[in-house]
């Protein structure tokens, strides 16, 4: 599944990054969105945008970028390590 399919307050494990533009991919990596990282969906907008939390950082993603992040559902709670 992709991150765009995620539910609000769900925690997801990043399995693969298929973001088309290199500058988006590099920016995501710089804030910690890499294979194996955990992402919490803070909020979902009707038009497909998301606000996510990675470690202690929050970032807004557009539909196109979020749909390129392949994830696996982890749990409804944020991991203690974050």
PDB file of N, CA and C in Angstrom:
ATOM      1  N   UNK A   1       0.834  -1.174   0.000  1.00  0.00           N
ATOM      2  CA  UNK A   1       0.000   0.000   0.000  1.00  0.00           C
ATOM      3  C   UNK A   1       0.880   1.239   0.000  1.00  0.00           C
ATOM      4  N   UNK A   2       0.308   2.347  -0.414  1.00  0.00           N
ATOM      5  CA  UNK A   2       1.069   3.593  -0.405  1.00  0.00           C
ATOM      6  C   UNK A   2       0.648   4.431   0.800  1.00  0.00           C
ATOM      7  N   UNK A   3       1.448   5.404   1.118  1.00  0.00           N
ATOM      8  CA  UNK A   3       1.169   6.255   2.273  1.00  0.00           C
ATOM      9  C   UNK A   3      -0.159   6.988   2.116  1.00  0.00           C
ATOM     10  N   UNK A   4      -0.554   7.283   0.909  1.00  0.00           N
ATOM     11  CA  UNK A   4      -1.811   7.991   0.669  1.00  0.00           C
ATOM     12  C   UNK A   4      -3.009   7.154   1.135  1.00  0.00           C
ATOM     13  N   UNK A   5      -2.851   5.833   1.215  1.00  0.00           N
ATOM     14  CA  UNK A   5      -3.910   4.937   1.681  1.00  0.00           C
ATOM     15  C   UNK A   5      -3.956   4.831   3.201  1.00  0.00           C
ATOM     16  N   UNK A   6      -2.986   5.415   3.870  1.00  0.00           N
ATOM     17  CA  UNK A   6      -2.901   5.326   5.329  1.00  0.00           C
ATOM     18  C   UNK A   6      -4.025   6.064   6.034  1.00  0.00           C
ATOM     19  N   UNK A   7      -4.287   5.649   7.255  1.00  0.00           N
ATOM     20  CA  UNK A   7      -5.330   6.259   8.073  1.00  0.00           C
ATOM     21  C   UNK A   7      -4.724   7.254   9.056  1.00  0.00           C
ATOM     22  N   UNK A   8      -5.521   8.239   9.429  1.00  0.00           N
ATOM     23  CA  UNK A   8      -5.099   9.223  10.413  1.00  0.00           C
ATOM     24  C   UNK A   8      -4.737   8.507  11.709  1.00  0.00           C
ATOM     25  N   UNK A   9      -3.619   8.887  12.321  1.00  0.00           N
ATOM     26  CA  UNK A   9      -3.061   8.344  13.560  1.00  0.00           C
ATOM     27  C   UNK A   9      -2.442   6.963  13.407  1.00  0.00           C
ATOM     28  N   UNK A  10      -2.438   6.409  12.218  1.00  0.00           N
ATOM     29  CA  UNK A  10      -1.785   5.119  11.996  1.00  0.00           C
ATOM     30  C   UNK A  10      -0.285   5.296  11.859  1.00  0.00           C
ATOM     31  N   UNK A  11       0.453   4.265  12.245  1.00  0.00           N
ATOM     32  CA  UNK A  11       1.916   4.272  12.130  1.00  0.00           C
ATOM     33  C   UNK A  11       2.304   3.251  11.063  1.00  0.00           C
ATOM     34  N   UNK A  12       3.168   3.664  10.167  1.00  0.00           N
ATOM     35  CA  UNK A  12       3.522   2.851   9.012  1.00  0.00           C
ATOM     36  C   UNK A  12       5.037   2.722   8.881  1.00  0.00           C
ATOM     37  N   UNK A  13       5.458   1.564   8.399  1.00  0.00           N
ATOM     38  CA  UNK A  13       6.869   1.286   8.153  1.00  0.00           C
ATOM     39  C   UNK A  13       7.137   1.517   6.674  1.00  0.00           C
ATOM     40  N   UNK A  14       8.129   2.338   6.355  1.00  0.00           N
ATOM     41  CA  UNK A  14       8.476   2.616   4.965  1.00  0.00           C
ATOM     42  C   UNK A  14       9.201   1.407   4.386  1.00  0.00           C
ATOM     43  N   UNK A  15       8.651   0.869   3.289  1.00  0.00           N
ATOM     44  CA  UNK A  15       9.241  -0.285   2.622  1.00  0.00           C
ATOM     45  C   UNK A  15      10.057   0.118   1.394  1.00  0.00           C
ATOM     46  N   UNK A  16       9.577   1.159   0.689  1.00  0.00           N
ATOM     47  CA  UNK A  16      10.230   1.550  -0.563  1.00  0.00           C
ATOM     48  C   UNK A  16       9.847   2.985  -0.903  1.00  0.00           C
ATOM     49  N   UNK A  17      10.759   3.687  -1.555  1.00  0.00           N
ATOM     50  CA  UNK A  17      10.507   5.061  -1.978  1.00  0.00           C
ATOM     51  C   UNK A  17      10.514   5.104  -3.508  1.00  0.00           C
ATOM     52  N   UNK A  18       9.393   5.506  -4.095  1.00  0.00           N
ATOM     53  CA  UNK A  18       9.279   5.643  -5.550  1.00  0.00           C
ATOM     54  C   UNK A  18       8.863   7.062  -5.911  1.00  0.00           C
ATOM     55  N   UNK A  19       9.508   8.021  -5.315  1.00  0.00           N
ATOM     56  CA  UNK A  19       9.195   9.428  -5.570  1.00  0.00           C
ATOM     57  C   UNK A  19       9.910   9.831  -6.852  1.00  0.00           C
ATOM     58  N   UNK A  20       9.148  10.377  -7.808  1.00  0.00           N
ATOM     59  CA  UNK A  20       9.675  10.650  -9.144  1.00  0.00           C
ATOM     60  C   UNK A  20      10.768  11.707  -9.183  1.00  0.00           C
ATOM     61  N   UNK A  21      10.549  12.845  -8.573  1.00  0.00           N
ATOM     62  CA  UNK A  21      11.518  13.931  -8.670  1.00  0.00           C
ATOM     63  C   UNK A  21      12.642  13.742  -7.655  1.00  0.00           C
ATOM     64  N   UNK A  22      13.863  13.859  -8.115  1.00  0.00           N
ATOM     65  CA  UNK A  22      15.030  13.629  -7.268  1.00  0.00           C
ATOM     66  C   UNK A  22      15.102  14.603  -6.104  1.00  0.00           C
ATOM     67  N   UNK A  23      14.687  15.859  -6.332  1.00  0.00           N
ATOM     68  CA  UNK A  23      14.780  16.830  -5.238  1.00  0.00           C
ATOM     69  C   UNK A  23      13.804  16.496  -4.112  1.00  0.00           C
ATOM     70  N   UNK A  24      12.619  15.946  -4.427  1.00  0.00           N
ATOM     71  CA  UNK A  24      11.693  15.507  -3.375  1.00  0.00           C
ATOM     72  C   UNK A  24      12.283  14.329  -2.607  1.00  0.00           C
ATOM     73  N   UNK A  25      12.841  13.383  -3.350  1.00  0.00           N
ATOM     74  CA  UNK A  25      13.434  12.202  -2.726  1.00  0.00           C
ATOM     75  C   UNK A  25      14.563  12.593  -1.778  1.00  0.00           C
ATOM     76  N   UNK A  26      15.418  13.490  -2.214  1.00  0.00           N
ATOM     77  CA  UNK A  26      16.541  13.945  -1.383  1.00  0.00           C
ATOM     78  C   UNK A  26      16.043  14.670  -0.137  1.00  0.00           C
ATOM     79  N   UNK A  27      15.030  15.487  -0.302  1.00  0.00           N
ATOM     80  CA  UNK A  27      14.479  16.231   0.844  1.00  0.00           C
ATOM     81  C   UNK A  27      13.864  15.279   1.869  1.00  0.00           C
ATOM     82  N   UNK A  28      13.111  14.289   1.395  1.00  0.00           N
ATOM     83  CA  UNK A  28      12.516  13.304   2.305  1.00  0.00           C
ATOM     84  C   UNK A  28      13.595  12.550   3.069  1.00  0.00           C
ATOM     85  N   UNK A  29      14.642  12.148   2.380  1.00  0.00           N
ATOM     86  CA  UNK A  29      15.744  11.443   3.038  1.00  0.00           C
ATOM     87  C   UNK A  29      16.402  12.318   4.098  1.00  0.00           C
ATOM     88  N   UNK A  30      16.516  13.617   3.831  1.00  0.00           N
ATOM     89  CA  UNK A  30      17.182  14.516   4.778  1.00  0.00           C
ATOM     90  C   UNK A  30      16.400  14.677   6.080  1.00  0.00           C
ATOM     91  N   UNK A  31      15.082  14.459   6.054  1.00  0.00           N
ATOM     92  CA  UNK A  31      14.304  14.558   7.295  1.00  0.00           C
ATOM     93  C   UNK A  31      14.046  13.189   7.931  1.00  0.00           C
ATOM     94  N   UNK A  32      14.556  12.127   7.304  1.00  0.00           N
ATOM     95  CA  UNK A  32      14.452  10.802   7.918  1.00  0.00           C
ATOM     96  C   UNK A  32      13.462   9.849   7.292  1.00  0.00           C
ATOM     97  N   UNK A  33      12.853  10.218   6.167  1.00  0.00           N
ATOM     98  CA  UNK A  33      11.935   9.303   5.473  1.00  0.00           C
ATOM     99  C   UNK A  33      12.773   8.434   4.551  1.00  0.00           C
ATOM    100  N   UNK A  34      13.166   7.271   5.063  1.00  0.00           N
ATOM    101  CA  UNK A  34      13.994   6.321   4.324  1.00  0.00           C
ATOM    102  C   UNK A  34      13.423   4.919   4.545  1.00  0.00           C
ATOM    103  N   UNK A  35      13.869   3.964   3.754  1.00  0.00           N
ATOM    104  CA  UNK A  35      13.436   2.583   3.938  1.00  0.00           C
ATOM    105  C   UNK A  35      13.699   2.164   5.383  1.00  0.00           C
ATOM    106  N   UNK A  36      12.682   1.606   6.031  1.00  0.00           N
ATOM    107  CA  UNK A  36      12.821   1.146   7.412  1.00  0.00           C
ATOM    108  C   UNK A  36      12.408   2.149   8.464  1.00  0.00           C
ATOM    109  N   UNK A  37      12.118   3.389   8.068  1.00  0.00           N
ATOM    110  CA  UNK A  37      11.704   4.388   9.058  1.00  0.00           C
ATOM    111  C   UNK A  37      10.208   4.267   9.338  1.00  0.00           C
ATOM    112  N   UNK A  38       9.784   4.822  10.461  1.00  0.00           N
ATOM    113  CA  UNK A  38       8.374   4.827  10.839  1.00  0.00           C
ATOM    114  C   UNK A  38       7.778   6.203  10.597  1.00  0.00           C
ATOM    115  N   UNK A  39       6.562   6.207  10.067  1.00  0.00           N
ATOM    116  CA  UNK A  39       5.841   7.441   9.778  1.00  0.00           C
ATOM    117  C   UNK A  39       4.477   7.372  10.435  1.00  0.00           C
ATOM    118  N   UNK A  40       4.090   8.444  11.107  1.00  0.00           N
ATOM    119  CA  UNK A  40       2.733   8.547  11.648  1.00  0.00           C
ATOM    120  C   UNK A  40       1.972   9.557  10.806  1.00  0.00           C
ATOM    121  N   UNK A  41       0.756   9.187  10.386  1.00  0.00           N
ATOM    122  CA  UNK A  41      -0.100  10.110   9.646  1.00  0.00           C
ATOM    123  C   UNK A  41      -0.822  10.968  10.678  1.00  0.00           C
ATOM    124  N   UNK A  42      -0.508  12.247  10.718  1.00  0.00           N
ATOM    125  CA  UNK A  42      -1.103  13.182  11.666  1.00  0.00           C
ATOM    126  C   UNK A  42      -2.471  13.645  11.184  1.00  0.00           C
ATOM    127  N   UNK A  43      -2.562  13.968   9.884  1.00  0.00           N
ATOM    128  CA  UNK A  43      -3.818  14.465   9.337  1.00  0.00           C
ATOM    129  C   UNK A  43      -3.886  14.144   7.857  1.00  0.00           C
ATOM    130  N   UNK A  44      -5.109  13.930   7.360  1.00  0.00           N
ATOM    131  CA  UNK A  44      -5.344  13.702   5.932  1.00  0.00           C
ATOM    132  C   UNK A  44      -6.333  14.741   5.435  1.00  0.00           C
ATOM    133  N   UNK A  45      -6.038  15.314   4.296  1.00  0.00           N
ATOM    134  CA  UNK A  45      -6.923  16.301   3.682  1.00  0.00           C
ATOM    135  C   UNK A  45      -7.771  15.627   2.608  1.00  0.00           C
ATOM    136  N   UNK A  46      -8.935  16.201   2.320  1.00  0.00           N
ATOM    137  CA  UNK A  46      -9.843  15.637   1.324  1.00  0.00           C
ATOM    138  C   UNK A  46      -9.197  15.500  -0.056  1.00  0.00           C
ATOM    139  N   UNK A  47      -8.387  16.439  -0.418  1.00  0.00           N
ATOM    140  CA  UNK A  47      -7.772  16.419  -1.746  1.00  0.00           C
ATOM    141  C   UNK A  47      -6.519  15.560  -1.811  1.00  0.00           C
ATOM    142  N   UNK A  48      -6.205  14.842  -0.769  1.00  0.00           N
ATOM    143  CA  UNK A  48      -5.111  13.886  -0.821  1.00  0.00           C
ATOM    144  C   UNK A  48      -3.831  14.275  -0.136  1.00  0.00           C
ATOM    145  N   UNK A  49      -3.717  15.496   0.365  1.00  0.00           N
ATOM    146  CA  UNK A  49      -2.508  15.893   1.079  1.00  0.00           C
ATOM    147  C   UNK A  49      -2.453  15.267   2.460  1.00  0.00           C
ATOM    148  N   UNK A  50      -1.256  15.125   2.983  1.00  0.00           N
ATOM    149  CA  UNK A  50      -1.057  14.523   4.304  1.00  0.00           C
ATOM    150  C   UNK A  50      -0.134  15.388   5.140  1.00  0.00           C
ATOM    151  N   UNK A  51      -0.305  15.313   6.434  1.00  0.00           N
ATOM    152  CA  UNK A  51       0.691  15.820   7.374  1.00  0.00           C
ATOM    153  C   UNK A  51       1.196  14.593   8.103  1.00  0.00           C
ATOM    154  N   UNK A  52       2.501  14.402   8.063  1.00  0.00           N
ATOM    155  CA  UNK A  52       3.100  13.221   8.678  1.00  0.00           C
ATOM    156  C   UNK A  52       4.094  13.631   9.753  1.00  0.00           C
ATOM    157  N   UNK A  53       4.405  12.675  10.617  1.00  0.00           N
ATOM    158  CA  UNK A  53       5.444  12.873  11.618  1.00  0.00           C
ATOM    159  C   UNK A  53       6.495  11.795  11.435  1.00  0.00           C
ATOM    160  N   UNK A  54       7.741  12.232  11.382  1.00  0.00           N
ATOM    161  CA  UNK A  54       8.891  11.336  11.301  1.00  0.00           C
ATOM    162  C   UNK A  54       9.810  11.750  12.424  1.00  0.00           C
ATOM    163  N   UNK A  55      10.069  10.817  13.333  1.00  0.00           N
ATOM    164  CA  UNK A  55      10.797  11.139  14.557  1.00  0.00           C
ATOM    165  C   UNK A  55      10.064  12.283  15.241  1.00  0.00           C
ATOM    166  N   UNK A  56      10.691  13.435  15.434  1.00  0.00           N
ATOM    167  CA  UNK A  56      10.009  14.555  16.098  1.00  0.00           C
ATOM    168  C   UNK A  56       9.686  15.675  15.122  1.00  0.00           C
ATOM    169  N   UNK A  57       9.757  15.384  13.824  1.00  0.00           N
ATOM    170  CA  UNK A  57       9.502  16.390  12.796  1.00  0.00           C
ATOM    171  C   UNK A  57       8.166  16.133  12.118  1.00  0.00           C
ATOM    172  N   UNK A  58       7.467  17.199  11.775  1.00  0.00           N
ATOM    173  CA  UNK A  58       6.228  17.092  11.013  1.00  0.00           C
ATOM    174  C   UNK A  58       6.423  17.778   9.673  1.00  0.00           C
ATOM    175  N   UNK A  59       5.813  17.206   8.638  1.00  0.00           N
ATOM    176  CA  UNK A  59       5.937  17.755   7.295  1.00  0.00           C
ATOM    177  C   UNK A  59       4.646  17.488   6.528  1.00  0.00           C
ATOM    178  N   UNK A  60       4.300  18.402   5.649  1.00  0.00           N
ATOM    179  CA  UNK A  60       3.136  18.226   4.776  1.00  0.00           C
ATOM    180  C   UNK A  60       3.613  17.621   3.460  1.00  0.00           C
ATOM    181  N   UNK A  61       2.844  16.670   2.952  1.00  0.00           N
ATOM    182  CA  UNK A  61       3.152  16.037   1.670  1.00  0.00           C
ATOM    183  C   UNK A  61       1.968  16.186   0.730  1.00  0.00           C
ATOM    184  N   UNK A  62       2.240  16.443  -0.531  1.00  0.00           N
ATOM    185  CA  UNK A  62       1.170  16.475  -1.523  1.00  0.00           C
ATOM    186  C   UNK A  62       0.816  15.036  -1.912  1.00  0.00           C
ATOM    187  N   UNK A  63      -0.309  14.879  -2.570  1.00  0.00           N
ATOM    188  CA  UNK A  63      -0.798  13.562  -2.976  1.00  0.00           C
ATOM    189  C   UNK A  63       0.230  12.812  -3.826  1.00  0.00           C
ATOM    190  N   UNK A  64       0.860  13.491  -4.781  1.00  0.00           N
ATOM    191  CA  UNK A  64       1.812  12.839  -5.680  1.00  0.00           C
ATOM    192  C   UNK A  64       3.012  12.260  -4.936  1.00  0.00           C
ATOM    193  N   UNK A  65       3.538  12.987  -3.981  1.00  0.00           N
ATOM    194  CA  UNK A  65       4.697  12.508  -3.226  1.00  0.00           C
ATOM    195  C   UNK A  65       4.284  11.358  -2.308  1.00  0.00           C
ATOM    196  N   UNK A  66       3.172  11.517  -1.584  1.00  0.00           N
ATOM    197  CA  UNK A  66       2.712  10.476  -0.656  1.00  0.00           C
ATOM    198  C   UNK A  66       2.373   9.181  -1.383  1.00  0.00           C
ATOM    199  N   UNK A  67       1.894   9.278  -2.610  1.00  0.00           N
ATOM    200  CA  UNK A  67       1.549   8.071  -3.353  1.00  0.00           C
ATOM    201  C   UNK A  67       2.779   7.322  -3.854  1.00  0.00           C
ATOM    202  N   UNK A  68       3.941   7.921  -3.761  1.00  0.00           N
ATOM    203  CA  UNK A  68       5.179   7.264  -4.156  1.00  0.00           C
ATOM    204  C   UNK A  68       5.921   6.619  -2.998  1.00  0.00           C
ATOM    205  N   UNK A  69       5.360   6.669  -1.801  1.00  0.00           N
ATOM    206  CA  UNK A  69       5.999   6.069  -0.625  1.00  0.00           C
ATOM    207  C   UNK A  69       5.241   4.782  -0.285  1.00  0.00           C
ATOM    208  N   UNK A  70       5.896   3.652  -0.489  1.00  0.00           N
ATOM    209  CA  UNK A  70       5.293   2.342  -0.230  1.00  0.00           C
ATOM    210  C   UNK A  70       5.498   2.013   1.247  1.00  0.00           C
ATOM    211  N   UNK A  71       4.401   1.696   1.938  1.00  0.00           N
ATOM    212  CA  UNK A  71       4.458   1.451   3.380  1.00  0.00           C
ATOM    213  C   UNK A  71       3.731   0.162   3.744  1.00  0.00           C
ATOM    214  N   UNK A  72       3.945  -0.236   4.982  1.00  0.00           N
ATOM    215  CA  UNK A  72       3.268  -1.388   5.582  1.00  0.00           C
ATOM    216  C   UNK A  72       2.714  -0.926   6.919  1.00  0.00           C
ATOM    217  N   UNK A  73       1.459  -1.282   7.204  1.00  0.00           N
ATOM    218  CA  UNK A  73       0.845  -0.881   8.463  1.00  0.00           C
ATOM    219  C   UNK A  73       1.602  -1.499   9.627  1.00  0.00           C
ATOM    220  N   UNK A  74       1.897  -0.693  10.634  1.00  0.00           N
ATOM    221  CA  UNK A  74       2.588  -1.178  11.835  1.00  0.00           C
ATOM    222  C   UNK A  74       1.610  -1.289  12.997  1.00  0.00           C
ATOM    223  N   UNK A  75       1.087  -0.148  13.452  1.00  0.00           N
ATOM    224  CA  UNK A  75       0.193  -0.157  14.606  1.00  0.00           C
ATOM    225  C   UNK A  75      -0.471   1.213  14.769  1.00  0.00           C
ATOM    226  N   UNK A  76      -1.322   1.318  15.743  1.00  0.00           N
ATOM    227  CA  UNK A  76      -2.033   2.564  15.993  1.00  0.00           C
ATOM    228  C   UNK A  76      -1.288   3.485  16.957  1.00  0.00           C
ATOM    229  N   UNK A  77      -0.180   3.050  17.494  1.00  0.00           N
ATOM    230  CA  UNK A  77       0.595   3.873  18.431  1.00  0.00           C
ATOM    231  C   UNK A  77       1.943   4.205  17.818  1.00  0.00           C
ATOM    232  N   UNK A  78       2.465   5.347  18.202  1.00  0.00           N
ATOM    233  CA  UNK A  78       3.778   5.738  17.729  1.00  0.00           C
ATOM    234  C   UNK A  78       4.831   4.981  18.522  1.00  0.00           C
ATOM    235  N   UNK A  79       5.873   4.470  17.873  1.00  0.00           N
ATOM    236  CA  UNK A  79       6.914   3.718  18.583  1.00  0.00           C
ATOM    237  C   UNK A  79       7.589   4.559  19.665  1.00  0.00           C
ATOM    238  N   UNK A  80       7.939   3.917  20.764  1.00  0.00           N
ATOM    239  CA  UNK A  80       8.602   4.605  21.881  1.00  0.00           C
ATOM    240  C   UNK A  80       9.955   5.178  21.498  1.00  0.00           C
ATOM    241  N   UNK A  81      10.605   4.592  20.511  1.00  0.00           N
ATOM    242  CA  UNK A  81      11.957   5.033  20.143  1.00  0.00           C
ATOM    243  C   UNK A  81      11.961   6.403  19.503  1.00  0.00           C
ATOM    244  N   UNK A  82      10.803   6.934  19.160  1.00  0.00           N
ATOM    245  CA  UNK A  82      10.762   8.228  18.500  1.00  0.00           C
ATOM    246  C   UNK A  82      10.535   9.258  19.524  1.00  0.00           C
TER     247      UNK A  82
END
